[in-house]
Amino acid sequence: MVTAMQTIIVTGAAGFIGSAVCRYLRANDLARVIGLDKMTYAANREALDALKNDKDFTLIERSEEHTSE
């Protein structure tokens, strides 16, 4: 029986904890991962270098502010 792999969204993906969660999920092939990060002072793109060629990992960087009026 083949089961579909889950997709998990990790916020703060380029931070210390978020990057560790992303690396763990992909290293153990537990889920596809969509990483979201605002890329502030705490973000570290190098923490995700191990995943840059992983087809089941996507990083979405959001640096602009969105406000509703």
C-alpha atoms as a PDB file:
ATOM      1  CA  MET A   1       0.000   0.000   0.000  1.00  0.00           C
ATOM      2  CA  VAL A   2       1.395   3.375  -1.032  1.00  0.00           C
ATOM      3  CA  THR A   3       0.549   6.352   1.141  1.00  0.00           C
ATOM      4  CA  ALA A   4       0.911   9.981   0.135  1.00  0.00           C
ATOM      5  CA  MET A   5       3.623  11.946   1.874  1.00  0.00           C
ATOM      6  CA  GLN A   6       2.405  14.821   4.025  1.00  0.00           C
ATOM      7  CA  THR A   7       3.411  18.408   3.355  1.00  0.00           C
ATOM      8  CA  ILE A   8       4.337  20.413   6.438  1.00  0.00           C
ATOM      9  CA  ILE A   9       4.753  24.193   6.624  1.00  0.00           C
ATOM     10  CA  VAL A  10       7.513  25.366   8.976  1.00  0.00           C
ATOM     11  CA  THR A  11       7.464  29.045   9.937  1.00  0.00           C
ATOM     12  CA  GLY A  12      10.767  30.624  10.913  1.00  0.00           C
ATOM     13  CA  ALA A  13      12.464  28.010   8.733  1.00  0.00           C
ATOM     14  CA  ALA A  14      15.815  29.826   8.546  1.00  0.00           C
ATOM     15  CA  GLY A  15      16.024  30.299  12.319  1.00  0.00           C
ATOM     16  CA  PHE A  16      17.846  28.038  14.757  1.00  0.00           C
ATOM     17  CA  ILE A  17      14.921  25.788  15.688  1.00  0.00           C
ATOM     18  CA  GLY A  18      13.019  26.040  12.391  1.00  0.00           C
ATOM     19  CA  SER A  19      16.033  24.993  10.326  1.00  0.00           C
ATOM     20  CA  ALA A  20      16.655  22.021  12.628  1.00  0.00           C
ATOM     21  CA  VAL A  21      13.024  20.928  12.199  1.00  0.00           C
ATOM     22  CA  CYS A  22      13.293  21.246   8.406  1.00  0.00           C
ATOM     23  CA  ARG A  23      16.538  19.277   8.281  1.00  0.00           C
ATOM     24  CA  TYR A  24      15.139  16.565  10.578  1.00  0.00           C
ATOM     25  CA  LEU A  25      11.938  16.114   8.582  1.00  0.00           C
ATOM     26  CA  ARG A  26      13.802  15.834   5.282  1.00  0.00           C
ATOM     27  CA  ALA A  27      16.732  13.748   6.569  1.00  0.00           C
ATOM     28  CA  ASN A  28      14.239  11.153   7.787  1.00  0.00           C
ATOM     29  CA  ASP A  29      11.977  11.523   4.718  1.00  0.00           C
ATOM     30  CA  LEU A  30       9.004  12.223   6.996  1.00  0.00           C
ATOM     31  CA  ALA A  31       7.303  14.953   4.940  1.00  0.00           C
ATOM     32  CA  ARG A  32       7.620  17.443   2.130  1.00  0.00           C
ATOM     33  CA  VAL A  33       8.528  20.760   3.729  1.00  0.00           C
ATOM     34  CA  ILE A  34       7.572  24.307   2.820  1.00  0.00           C
ATOM     35  CA  GLY A  35       9.709  26.664   4.879  1.00  0.00           C
ATOM     36  CA  LEU A  36       8.528  30.221   5.441  1.00  0.00           C
ATOM     37  CA  ASP A  37      10.812  32.913   6.807  1.00  0.00           C
ATOM     38  CA  LYS A  38      10.701  36.690   7.021  1.00  0.00           C
ATOM     39  CA  MET A  39      14.532  36.713   6.916  1.00  0.00           C
ATOM     40  CA  THR A  40      15.079  39.059   9.841  1.00  0.00           C
ATOM     41  CA  TYR A  41      18.191  39.292  12.037  1.00  0.00           C
ATOM     42  CA  ALA A  42      17.616  35.745  13.360  1.00  0.00           C
ATOM     43  CA  ALA A  43      17.508  34.091   9.938  1.00  0.00           C
ATOM     44  CA  ASN A  44      20.488  32.161   8.633  1.00  0.00           C
ATOM     45  CA  ARG A  45      20.238  30.871   5.048  1.00  0.00           C
ATOM     46  CA  GLU A  46      23.354  28.740   5.597  1.00  0.00           C
ATOM     47  CA  ALA A  47      21.418  26.658   8.140  1.00  0.00           C
ATOM     48  CA  LEU A  48      19.347  25.356   5.203  1.00  0.00           C
ATOM     49  CA  ASP A  49      22.235  24.742   2.780  1.00  0.00           C
ATOM     50  CA  ALA A  50      21.884  20.988   3.212  1.00  0.00           C
ATOM     51  CA  LEU A  51      18.382  21.229   1.718  1.00  0.00           C
ATOM     52  CA  LYS A  52      19.013  23.474  -1.276  1.00  0.00           C
ATOM     53  CA  ASN A  53      19.027  20.530  -3.745  1.00  0.00           C
ATOM     54  CA  ASP A  54      16.201  18.655  -2.040  1.00  0.00           C
ATOM     55  CA  LYS A  55      13.202  18.506  -4.391  1.00  0.00           C
ATOM     56  CA  ASP A  56      10.860  18.049  -1.413  1.00  0.00           C
ATOM     57  CA  PHE A  57      11.942  21.262   0.330  1.00  0.00           C
ATOM     58  CA  THR A  58      10.847  24.759  -0.689  1.00  0.00           C
ATOM     59  CA  LEU A  59      11.914  27.974   1.041  1.00  0.00           C
ATOM     60  CA  ILE A  60       9.670  30.999   0.704  1.00  0.00           C
ATOM     61  CA  GLU A  61      11.283  34.235   1.832  1.00  0.00           C
ATOM     62  CA  ARG A  62       8.985  37.090   2.757  1.00  0.00           C
ATOM     63  CA  SER A  63      10.689  40.355   3.586  1.00  0.00           C
ATOM     64  CA  GLU A  64       8.003  42.889   2.767  1.00  0.00           C
ATOM     65  CA  GLU A  65       5.349  44.030   5.200  1.00  0.00           C
ATOM     66  CA  HIS A  66       1.694  43.427   4.452  1.00  0.00           C
ATOM     67  CA  THR A  67      -0.984  45.459   6.142  1.00  0.00           C
ATOM     68  CA  SER A  68      -4.719  45.482   5.718  1.00  0.00           C
ATOM     69  CA  GLU A  69      -6.523  48.779   5.568  1.00  0.00           C
END
